[in-house]
Amino acid sequence: MDATTPGPLTPDVLDRDDLRRALEEHDFAAAFTLIKKWGGLSQNRIAAACQLTPGKVSMIMNGSSRVTSIEVIRRIADGLRIPGHLVGLAPRPWESTDSAPQELRTTRPHPEQADTDAVPWRPDATVDMAANLTRSDLMDRRAATRALAGIVTGAPLLDTLDGWRAPAAADNRPRRPGRLGTREVDELETTARAFRQWGRAGGSGLYRKAVVGQLAEVAAALDEHQAPAIERRLYTVMAELSGTAASMSWDIGQQRRAQDYYRLALRAAHAGGDTLFGANVLAGIARQMLYQDRPHDALELVRLAQDGVRRTAGSRLRAMLHTREAWALASMDRPSGFRRATAQAADALSSIDRNESEPYWIGYFNDAELAGVTGGRLLEMARSQPRAYADQAADHIRAALEQRGPEAGRSYALDWIGLAECAFLLGDTQSAADYSRRAVDAASSLRSGRVRVQLAQLYPYTVGDGAPRALADVRGSIRSLLTA
């Protein structure tokens, strides 16, 4: 089924509250039953659309089998043309084209894509890009709709980032004099640091608008001629604010908007000569590619980052880049490569010199972060091979939880969610129920879309005939939080 093929379900079926609720809760037994009843699809047709066997669909509908694999959920969403947000996924590639007129489908670029891709790697062009992006985000009511459009992947993305390798050009355009001094830039840097902490803790919503508003102010200051040292610092502030806006946009499901801010962050870091933060931004884009099932793109981006800072990166930054590499290799089903890159990350962390000075923004990457990230990757492998990897995943996640608490925000909640899923995979129902309750408690204080998506993956483990009372209570808690 390509982007121009209509889906088998009519809009009125997809708009039904009962179907939406079932999809959001990953209750595919109920969802398939409703689709059969109101959509007029037979079990055989559902099976064919979702690339499942009729027997598998029958088992799902009678409750003897549950859908827990993200890959199967993606096939269901794509086969039945169910928008990604209804099943806890990012917008599917076909969503950005289905609503366009037939003659424009697959040929008309995203409203901002052509402009963004064509921006030369010059400081003045980067300032214009920042002004246009923040203006559309803050003022254009259609921006949210555009932000749901599909992200750029593959060669169209990688080719536009190659300019990061070239030296930054001088900005010789005529501008009116600026009057920012060291004190004002100090305050902007402090604000950018506070915003970044909000983002790591799972803040979004009004916080994101505050970040974008501050970014617009920095762009306006760079439209004036500041002293060279002030200008370099302002570009670094722009890069950090853009990176935070990217993370917050992603957290509320605006994947394309997040990608636009990541690309702005890379260009701002380039204009300010901050290659270390540029490598960090490339690692952020790589992580986004991994969530979009683009591990080959992610690996290319990590290698691009590593090439750019091979002689200048400190121990923590090298360790973080190795974990991104390990993540990509795990997603490509290369366990030996995953273990090698993970060991390199551990070696880098162990080599930290107390006198080594690194940027504040990489300070979060420590032994706890490495343990949590490694546990998460092992958990992904455990979903298909639980006996081989579930115990290992649980050990690493426990190590992370022993070293960080609720102040870690999103990471802390994700650790509990991951540990709960490990227990489910190992058949330890009592521990799974306990860990799930802790996950719900941690998630309830956050406004993180990513946390809620991961929490939704626990729900299918709690359904089915004969589920213990403890799981029934957990199921109700998860449902209440996800529908709040």
Protein backbone atom coordinates (compact mmCIF):
# COMPACT_ATOMS: atom_id res chain seq x y z
CA MET A 1 0.00 0.00 0.00
CA ASP A 2 1.61 3.28 -1.06
CA ALA A 3 0.91 6.85 -0.03
CA THR A 4 -1.83 7.32 -2.62
CA THR A 5 -3.85 4.22 -1.71
CA PRO A 6 -6.91 4.86 0.48
CA GLY A 7 -7.16 2.93 3.73
CA PRO A 8 -9.84 0.30 4.38
CA LEU A 9 -11.42 2.21 7.29
CA THR A 10 -13.66 5.20 6.76
CA PRO A 11 -13.16 8.39 8.84
CA ASP A 12 -16.34 7.78 10.83
CA VAL A 13 -15.01 4.39 11.99
CA LEU A 14 -11.67 5.85 13.04
CA ASP A 15 -13.50 8.63 14.90
CA ARG A 16 -15.40 6.22 17.15
CA ASP A 17 -14.54 6.78 20.82
CA ASP A 18 -14.57 3.06 21.65
CA LEU A 19 -12.15 2.25 18.84
CA ARG A 20 -9.82 5.12 19.72
CA ARG A 21 -9.78 4.04 23.34
CA ALA A 22 -8.97 0.45 22.40
CA LEU A 23 -6.16 1.58 20.08
CA GLU A 24 -4.66 3.95 22.63
CA GLU A 25 -4.63 1.13 25.21
CA HIS A 26 -3.21 -1.36 22.67
CA ASP A 27 -6.25 -3.56 23.30
CA PHE A 28 -6.22 -5.08 19.82
CA ALA A 29 -8.72 -7.76 20.75
CA ALA A 30 -11.31 -5.02 21.20
CA ALA A 31 -9.93 -2.97 18.30
CA PHE A 32 -10.14 -5.81 15.77
CA THR A 33 -13.64 -6.70 16.99
CA LEU A 34 -14.80 -3.10 16.49
CA ILE A 35 -13.10 -2.89 13.11
CA LYS A 36 -14.83 -6.09 12.04
CA LYS A 37 -18.20 -4.85 13.29
CA TRP A 38 -18.18 -1.21 12.15
CA GLY A 39 -15.61 -1.32 9.38
CA GLY A 40 -17.04 -4.39 7.69
CA LEU A 41 -13.65 -6.11 7.46
CA SER A 42 -13.39 -9.86 7.78
CA GLN A 43 -10.68 -11.48 9.86
CA ASN A 44 -8.99 -12.59 6.65
CA ARG A 45 -8.95 -9.04 5.32
CA ILE A 46 -7.60 -7.66 8.60
CA ALA A 47 -4.90 -10.33 8.52
CA ALA A 48 -3.92 -9.56 4.93
CA ALA A 49 -3.78 -5.79 5.57
CA CYS A 50 -1.64 -6.20 8.70
CA GLN A 51 0.64 -8.93 7.29
CA LEU A 52 -0.60 -11.39 9.93
CA THR A 53 -1.95 -14.89 9.54
CA PRO A 54 -5.71 -15.34 9.93
CA GLY A 55 -4.96 -17.68 12.84
CA LYS A 56 -2.94 -14.97 14.58
CA VAL A 57 -5.77 -12.46 14.16
CA SER A 58 -8.20 -15.01 15.59
CA MET A 59 -5.96 -15.57 18.62
CA ILE A 60 -5.68 -11.83 19.19
CA MET A 61 -9.44 -11.38 18.99
CA ASN A 62 -10.21 -14.21 21.41
CA GLY A 63 -7.64 -12.94 23.90
CA SER A 64 -5.25 -15.88 23.74
CA SER A 65 -2.51 -13.75 22.16
CA ARG A 66 -1.46 -10.17 22.82
CA VAL A 67 0.25 -7.65 20.56
CA THR A 68 3.35 -6.39 22.35
CA SER A 69 5.79 -5.98 19.45
CA ILE A 70 6.22 -2.44 18.17
CA GLU A 71 6.92 -3.85 14.73
CA VAL A 72 3.52 -5.61 14.68
CA ILE A 73 1.81 -2.44 15.91
CA ARG A 74 3.45 -0.54 13.05
CA ARG A 75 2.18 -3.12 10.55
CA ILE A 76 -1.33 -2.80 11.98
CA ALA A 77 -1.19 1.00 11.80
CA ASP A 78 0.15 1.02 8.25
CA GLY A 79 -2.05 -1.78 6.95
CA LEU A 80 -5.29 -0.32 8.32
CA ARG A 81 -4.22 3.30 7.85
CA ILE A 82 -4.51 4.12 11.56
CA PRO A 83 -2.78 7.43 12.40
CA GLY A 84 0.34 6.86 14.47
CA HIS A 85 -0.71 8.96 17.46
CA LEU A 86 -3.71 6.67 18.07
CA VAL A 87 -1.41 3.73 18.83
CA GLY A 88 1.45 5.60 20.50
CA LEU A 89 3.64 5.87 17.41
CA ALA A 90 5.18 8.81 15.63
CA PRO A 91 3.23 9.99 12.56
CA ARG A 92 3.52 7.33 9.88
CA PRO A 93 5.23 8.23 6.56
CA TRP A 94 1.93 8.18 4.66
CA GLU A 95 0.19 10.63 7.01
CA SER A 96 1.85 13.70 5.52
CA THR A 97 0.45 12.91 2.06
CA ASP A 98 -2.95 11.34 2.57
CA SER A 99 -4.78 14.64 3.03
CA ALA A 100 -3.20 16.36 0.03
CA PRO A 101 -4.96 16.55 -3.34
CA GLN A 102 -4.18 13.60 -5.59
CA GLU A 103 -2.11 15.66 -8.05
CA LEU A 104 0.12 17.00 -5.26
CA ARG A 105 0.81 13.76 -3.38
CA THR A 106 4.46 12.68 -3.10
CA THR A 107 5.59 15.68 -5.18
CA ARG A 108 4.88 18.70 -3.01
CA PRO A 109 7.50 19.29 -0.31
CA HIS A 110 6.80 20.04 3.30
CA PRO A 111 6.03 23.78 3.58
CA GLU A 112 9.37 24.44 5.30
CA GLN A 113 11.43 21.61 3.85
CA ALA A 114 12.63 23.28 0.67
CA ASP A 115 13.68 26.44 2.48
CA THR A 116 15.39 24.57 5.31
CA ASP A 117 17.29 22.23 3.00
CA ALA A 118 18.45 25.09 0.80
CA VAL A 119 19.82 27.26 3.63
CA PRO A 120 23.55 27.76 2.99
CA TRP A 121 25.96 27.22 5.85
CA ARG A 122 26.44 30.95 6.46
CA PRO A 123 25.78 32.75 9.76
CA ASP A 124 23.34 35.24 8.20
CA ALA A 125 21.32 32.42 6.63
CA THR A 126 21.23 30.62 9.98
CA VAL A 127 19.85 33.75 11.69
CA ASP A 128 17.15 34.06 9.02
CA MET A 129 16.30 30.39 9.45
CA ALA A 130 15.94 30.87 13.22
CA ALA A 131 13.71 33.92 12.78
CA ASN A 132 11.44 32.15 10.28
CA LEU A 133 11.19 28.96 12.30
CA THR A 134 10.38 30.65 15.61
CA ARG A 135 7.90 33.02 13.94
CA SER A 136 5.96 30.18 12.36
CA ASP A 137 6.04 28.21 15.61
CA LEU A 138 4.82 31.06 17.81
CA MET A 139 2.32 32.76 15.52
CA ASP A 140 1.13 30.44 12.74
CA ARG A 141 -1.85 28.35 13.83
CA ARG A 142 -1.13 25.90 11.05
CA ALA A 143 2.35 25.24 12.42
CA ALA A 144 1.18 22.41 14.67
CA THR A 145 -0.41 20.65 11.71
CA ARG A 146 2.73 21.06 9.64
CA ALA A 147 4.81 19.81 12.55
CA LEU A 148 3.10 16.43 12.27
CA ALA A 149 4.39 15.93 8.73
CA GLY A 150 6.94 13.20 8.12
CA ILE A 151 10.56 13.85 8.96
CA VAL A 152 13.37 13.85 6.39
CA THR A 153 15.44 10.66 6.30
CA GLY A 154 18.10 8.99 4.20
CA ALA A 155 20.24 10.84 1.68
CA PRO A 156 18.03 14.00 1.64
CA LEU A 157 18.85 14.44 5.34
CA LEU A 158 22.46 13.24 5.42
CA ASP A 159 23.51 15.27 2.39
CA THR A 160 22.20 18.52 3.89
CA LEU A 161 24.24 17.98 7.06
CA ASP A 162 27.58 17.51 5.33
CA GLY A 163 28.16 21.27 5.46
CA TRP A 164 28.95 20.81 9.14
CA ARG A 165 32.43 19.68 8.09
CA ALA A 166 33.33 22.99 6.39
CA PRO A 167 34.68 26.01 8.32
CA ALA A 168 32.13 28.70 9.18
CA ALA A 169 32.07 31.65 6.77
CA ALA A 170 32.53 35.24 7.92
CA ASP A 171 29.40 37.34 8.36
CA ASN A 172 30.09 40.53 6.42
CA ARG A 173 26.53 41.74 5.87
CA PRO A 174 25.76 45.35 6.80
CA ARG A 175 24.00 45.49 10.18
CA ARG A 176 23.18 48.14 12.72
CA PRO A 177 25.40 48.11 15.81
CA GLY A 178 24.38 45.88 18.70
CA ARG A 179 24.81 46.76 22.35
CA LEU A 180 24.83 43.44 24.14
CA GLY A 181 27.57 43.09 26.72
CA THR A 182 29.10 40.28 28.73
CA ARG A 183 26.54 40.58 31.53
CA GLU A 184 23.56 40.16 29.20
CA VAL A 185 25.11 37.13 27.50
CA ASP A 186 25.91 35.62 30.91
CA GLU A 187 22.20 35.88 31.74
CA LEU A 188 21.19 34.32 28.41
CA GLU A 189 23.57 31.41 29.00
CA THR A 190 22.13 30.87 32.49
CA THR A 191 18.61 30.88 31.05
CA ALA A 192 19.55 28.42 28.30
CA ARG A 193 21.02 26.12 30.93
CA ALA A 194 17.83 26.27 33.03
CA PHE A 195 15.66 25.56 29.98
CA ARG A 196 17.84 22.57 29.12
CA GLN A 197 17.31 21.18 32.61
CA TRP A 198 13.54 21.57 32.17
CA GLY A 199 13.76 19.62 28.93
CA ARG A 200 15.73 16.77 30.51
CA ALA A 201 13.19 16.57 33.34
CA GLY A 202 10.36 16.13 30.83
CA GLY A 203 9.01 19.66 30.61
CA SER A 204 7.03 20.75 27.56
CA GLY A 205 3.95 22.83 26.76
CA LEU A 206 4.40 26.39 28.05
CA TYR A 207 8.06 25.65 28.77
CA ARG A 208 8.58 24.95 25.09
CA LYS A 209 6.96 28.22 24.08
CA ALA A 210 9.24 30.04 26.53
CA VAL A 211 12.28 28.39 24.93
CA VAL A 212 11.12 29.31 21.42
CA GLY A 213 10.41 32.89 22.52
CA GLN A 214 13.92 33.21 23.99
CA LEU A 215 15.35 31.74 20.79
CA ALA A 216 13.55 34.41 18.76
CA GLU A 217 15.14 37.10 20.97
CA VAL A 218 18.61 35.65 20.42
CA ALA A 219 18.01 35.60 16.65
CA ALA A 220 17.04 39.27 16.80
CA ALA A 221 20.25 40.08 18.71
CA LEU A 222 22.31 38.26 16.07
CA ASP A 223 20.65 40.34 13.38
CA GLU A 224 22.69 43.20 14.82
CA HIS A 225 26.47 43.60 14.69
CA GLN A 226 27.80 42.43 18.05
CA ALA A 227 31.40 42.21 19.20
CA PRO A 228 33.02 39.01 17.81
CA ALA A 229 33.33 37.30 21.20
CA ILE A 230 29.71 38.19 22.08
CA GLU A 231 28.51 36.94 18.71
CA ARG A 232 30.21 33.55 19.11
CA ARG A 233 28.62 33.11 22.52
CA LEU A 234 25.22 34.10 21.15
CA TYR A 235 25.44 31.44 18.46
CA THR A 236 26.24 28.88 21.15
CA VAL A 237 23.18 30.04 23.13
CA MET A 238 21.11 29.74 19.94
CA ALA A 239 22.39 26.20 19.42
CA GLU A 240 21.57 25.16 22.99
CA LEU A 241 18.09 26.72 22.92
CA SER A 242 17.38 25.08 19.55
CA GLY A 243 18.48 21.71 20.89
CA THR A 244 16.16 22.11 23.87
CA ALA A 245 13.27 23.18 21.61
CA ALA A 246 13.93 20.08 19.51
CA SER A 247 13.77 17.77 22.52
CA MET A 248 10.61 19.40 23.87
CA SER A 249 8.91 19.32 20.44
CA TRP A 250 9.72 15.65 20.15
CA ASP A 251 8.32 15.03 23.61
CA ILE A 252 4.89 16.32 22.55
CA GLY A 253 4.89 14.34 19.31
CA GLN A 254 5.95 17.08 16.87
CA GLN A 255 8.62 15.06 15.13
CA ARG A 256 9.12 17.27 12.07
CA ARG A 257 9.26 20.39 14.19
CA ALA A 258 11.84 18.67 16.40
CA GLN A 259 13.94 17.83 13.37
CA ASP A 260 13.81 21.45 12.15
CA TYR A 261 15.09 22.66 15.52
CA TYR A 262 17.83 20.03 15.57
CA ARG A 263 19.02 21.19 12.19
CA LEU A 264 18.95 24.81 13.31
CA ALA A 265 20.95 23.82 16.40
CA LEU A 266 23.61 22.20 14.23
CA ARG A 267 23.87 25.27 12.01
CA ALA A 268 24.07 27.61 15.01
CA ALA A 269 26.81 25.49 16.59
CA HIS A 270 28.64 25.60 13.25
CA ALA A 271 28.32 29.39 13.04
CA GLY A 272 29.69 29.72 16.58
CA GLY A 273 32.54 27.29 15.99
CA ASP A 274 31.24 24.95 18.71
CA THR A 275 32.06 21.55 17.21
CA LEU A 276 31.51 19.71 20.49
CA PHE A 277 27.90 20.82 20.76
CA GLY A 278 27.49 20.16 17.05
CA ALA A 279 28.47 16.54 17.65
CA ASN A 280 25.93 16.42 20.47
CA VAL A 281 23.23 17.70 18.11
CA LEU A 282 24.09 15.05 15.51
CA ALA A 283 23.75 12.45 18.26
CA GLY A 284 20.30 13.88 19.01
CA ILE A 285 19.24 13.57 15.38
CA ALA A 286 20.64 10.02 15.38
CA ARG A 287 18.46 9.16 18.39
CA GLN A 288 15.43 10.52 16.54
CA MET A 289 16.32 8.30 13.57
CA LEU A 290 16.51 5.30 15.90
CA TYR A 291 13.00 5.98 17.18
CA GLN A 292 11.92 6.15 13.54
CA ASP A 293 13.49 2.73 12.79
CA ARG A 294 16.27 4.23 10.69
CA PRO A 295 19.36 2.65 12.32
CA HIS A 296 21.52 2.97 9.21
CA ASP A 297 20.84 6.72 9.07
CA ALA A 298 21.56 6.92 12.80
CA LEU A 299 24.90 5.15 12.42
CA GLU A 300 25.91 7.52 9.60
CA LEU A 301 25.08 10.51 11.80
CA VAL A 302 27.05 9.13 14.76
CA ARG A 303 30.05 8.48 12.54
CA LEU A 304 29.78 12.04 11.19
CA ALA A 305 29.79 13.34 14.76
CA GLN A 306 32.73 11.15 15.77
CA ASP A 307 34.75 12.26 12.76
CA GLY A 308 34.20 15.91 13.65
CA VAL A 309 35.40 15.67 17.26
CA ARG A 310 37.86 12.78 17.15
CA ARG A 311 40.71 14.93 18.53
CA THR A 312 38.71 17.27 20.75
CA ALA A 313 35.95 15.26 22.45
CA GLY A 314 36.25 14.62 26.17
CA SER A 315 35.61 11.29 27.84
CA ARG A 316 31.89 11.80 28.50
CA LEU A 317 31.13 12.97 24.96
CA ARG A 318 33.06 10.04 23.47
CA ALA A 319 31.18 7.67 25.76
CA MET A 320 27.81 9.11 24.77
CA LEU A 321 28.63 8.83 21.06
CA HIS A 322 29.68 5.21 21.55
CA THR A 323 26.31 4.44 23.17
CA ARG A 324 24.48 5.94 20.20
CA GLU A 325 26.64 3.76 17.96
CA ALA A 326 25.80 0.74 20.13
CA TRP A 327 22.09 1.55 19.92
CA ALA A 328 22.21 1.66 16.12
CA LEU A 329 24.13 -1.61 15.95
CA ALA A 330 21.66 -3.32 18.29
CA SER A 331 18.77 -2.11 16.12
CA MET A 332 20.56 -3.57 13.09
CA ASP A 333 20.69 -6.96 14.90
CA ARG A 334 24.46 -6.82 15.36
CA PRO A 335 24.89 -7.92 19.01
CA SER A 336 28.68 -8.28 18.79
CA GLY A 337 28.98 -4.72 17.47
CA PHE A 338 26.62 -3.57 20.22
CA ARG A 339 28.81 -5.17 22.89
CA ARG A 340 31.99 -3.70 21.39
CA ALA A 341 30.61 -0.14 21.25
CA THR A 342 29.15 -0.46 24.76
CA ALA A 343 32.53 -1.59 26.09
CA GLN A 344 34.17 1.40 24.40
CA ALA A 345 31.66 3.68 26.13
CA ALA A 346 32.49 2.13 29.50
CA ASP A 347 36.23 2.47 28.82
CA ALA A 348 35.78 6.15 27.94
CA LEU A 349 33.90 6.83 31.17
CA SER A 350 36.48 4.99 33.24
CA SER A 351 39.23 7.17 31.77
CA ILE A 352 37.76 10.47 33.00
CA ASP A 353 40.39 12.64 34.59
CA ARG A 354 39.27 14.67 37.60
CA ASN A 355 40.94 17.68 36.06
CA GLU A 356 39.22 17.15 32.72
CA SER A 357 36.96 20.04 31.81
CA GLU A 358 33.89 19.28 29.68
CA PRO A 359 30.81 21.33 28.75
CA TYR A 360 28.02 21.35 31.32
CA TRP A 361 25.51 19.82 28.89
CA ILE A 362 27.35 16.49 28.80
CA GLY A 363 27.67 16.28 32.58
CA TYR A 364 24.53 14.11 32.75
CA PHE A 365 26.33 11.25 31.00
CA ASN A 366 27.68 9.12 33.83
CA ASP A 367 27.68 5.49 34.92
CA ALA A 368 23.96 5.63 35.70
CA GLU A 369 23.13 6.96 32.23
CA LEU A 370 25.30 4.31 30.59
CA ALA A 371 23.60 1.58 32.62
CA GLY A 372 20.13 2.87 31.77
CA VAL A 373 20.85 3.21 28.05
CA THR A 374 22.49 -0.22 27.90
CA GLY A 375 19.58 -1.77 29.77
CA GLY A 376 17.13 -0.19 27.35
CA ARG A 377 18.92 -1.65 24.35
CA LEU A 378 19.11 -5.10 25.93
CA LEU A 379 15.39 -4.84 26.65
CA GLU A 380 14.71 -4.21 22.97
CA MET A 381 16.61 -7.39 22.12
CA ALA A 382 14.84 -9.24 24.94
CA ARG A 383 11.44 -8.68 23.32
CA SER A 384 12.36 -11.27 20.70
CA GLN A 385 14.79 -13.31 22.84
CA PRO A 386 13.70 -12.92 26.48
CA ARG A 387 15.75 -15.82 27.85
CA ALA A 388 18.94 -14.43 26.34
CA TYR A 389 18.61 -10.78 27.29
CA ALA A 390 15.84 -10.01 29.82
CA ASP A 391 17.92 -10.76 32.94
CA GLN A 392 20.84 -8.71 31.61
CA ALA A 393 18.54 -5.81 30.79
CA ALA A 394 17.03 -5.88 34.28
CA ASP A 395 20.48 -5.90 35.92
CA HIS A 396 21.59 -2.80 34.01
CA ILE A 397 18.35 -0.92 34.67
CA ARG A 398 18.55 -1.71 38.38
CA ALA A 399 22.10 -0.35 38.37
CA ALA A 400 20.80 2.87 36.86
CA LEU A 401 18.01 3.18 39.45
CA GLU A 402 20.48 2.62 42.29
CA GLN A 403 22.41 5.68 41.15
CA ARG A 404 19.68 8.17 40.22
CA GLY A 405 16.33 9.09 41.68
CA PRO A 406 13.21 11.10 40.80
CA GLU A 407 15.33 14.18 40.07
CA ALA A 408 16.34 12.43 36.82
CA GLY A 409 12.76 13.03 35.62
CA ARG A 410 12.12 11.32 32.30
CA SER A 411 15.06 8.91 32.61
CA TYR A 412 13.90 7.78 36.06
CA ALA A 413 10.39 7.04 34.80
CA LEU A 414 11.71 5.20 31.75
CA ASP A 415 13.93 3.07 33.99
CA TRP A 416 10.92 1.86 35.99
CA ILE A 417 8.93 1.20 32.83
CA GLY A 418 11.82 -0.81 31.41
CA LEU A 419 12.30 -2.79 34.61
CA ALA A 420 8.58 -3.60 34.67
CA GLU A 421 8.69 -4.91 31.11
CA CYS A 422 11.73 -7.05 31.96
CA ALA A 423 9.73 -8.63 34.79
CA PHE A 424 6.79 -9.29 32.47
CA LEU A 425 9.12 -10.96 29.94
CA LEU A 426 10.59 -13.11 32.71
CA GLY A 427 7.13 -14.12 33.95
CA ASP A 428 7.60 -12.46 37.35
CA THR A 429 4.06 -11.06 37.64
CA GLN A 430 4.33 -9.80 41.21
CA SER A 431 7.50 -7.79 40.54
CA ALA A 432 6.07 -6.57 37.25
CA ALA A 433 3.01 -5.20 39.05
CA ASP A 434 5.17 -3.48 41.68
CA TYR A 435 7.53 -1.94 39.11
CA SER A 436 4.58 -0.83 36.97
CA ARG A 437 3.05 1.01 39.92
CA ARG A 438 6.35 2.76 40.50
CA ALA A 439 6.47 3.63 36.78
CA VAL A 440 2.98 5.15 36.92
CA ASP A 441 3.93 7.17 40.00
CA ALA A 442 7.05 8.51 38.27
CA ALA A 443 5.21 9.25 35.01
CA SER A 444 2.29 11.03 36.70
CA SER A 445 4.48 14.01 37.63
CA LEU A 446 5.81 14.48 34.09
CA ARG A 447 4.40 15.98 30.92
CA SER A 448 6.40 13.71 28.70
CA GLY A 449 4.91 12.19 25.58
CA ARG A 450 7.84 9.82 25.29
CA VAL A 451 7.19 8.46 28.77
CA ARG A 452 3.52 7.95 28.01
CA VAL A 453 4.29 6.12 24.77
CA GLN A 454 6.60 3.75 26.65
CA LEU A 455 4.08 3.32 29.46
CA ALA A 456 1.44 2.35 26.91
CA GLN A 457 3.65 -0.58 25.93
CA LEU A 458 3.14 -2.07 29.40
CA TYR A 459 -0.64 -2.09 29.03
CA PRO A 460 -0.91 -5.18 26.78
CA TYR A 461 0.93 -7.25 29.40
CA THR A 462 -1.85 -6.51 31.90
CA VAL A 463 -4.81 -7.65 29.78
CA GLY A 464 -6.23 -11.09 29.13
CA ASP A 465 -8.45 -13.60 30.87
CA GLY A 466 -7.32 -14.71 34.29
CA ALA A 467 -5.02 -11.73 34.90
CA PRO A 468 -4.18 -11.48 38.63
CA ARG A 469 -5.86 -8.76 40.68
CA ALA A 470 -2.53 -6.94 41.01
CA LEU A 471 -2.35 -6.59 37.23
CA ALA A 472 -5.96 -5.45 37.03
CA ASP A 473 -5.13 -2.62 39.43
CA VAL A 474 -2.05 -1.70 37.39
CA ARG A 475 -4.09 -1.78 34.20
CA GLY A 476 -6.54 0.70 35.67
CA SER A 477 -3.73 3.00 36.81
CA ILE A 478 -2.08 2.98 33.39
CA ARG A 479 -5.40 3.60 31.64
CA SER A 480 -6.24 6.48 33.97
CA LEU A 481 -2.90 8.16 33.38
CA LEU A 482 -2.95 7.70 29.61
CA THR A 483 -6.51 9.03 29.26
CA ALA A 484 -6.10 11.96 31.66
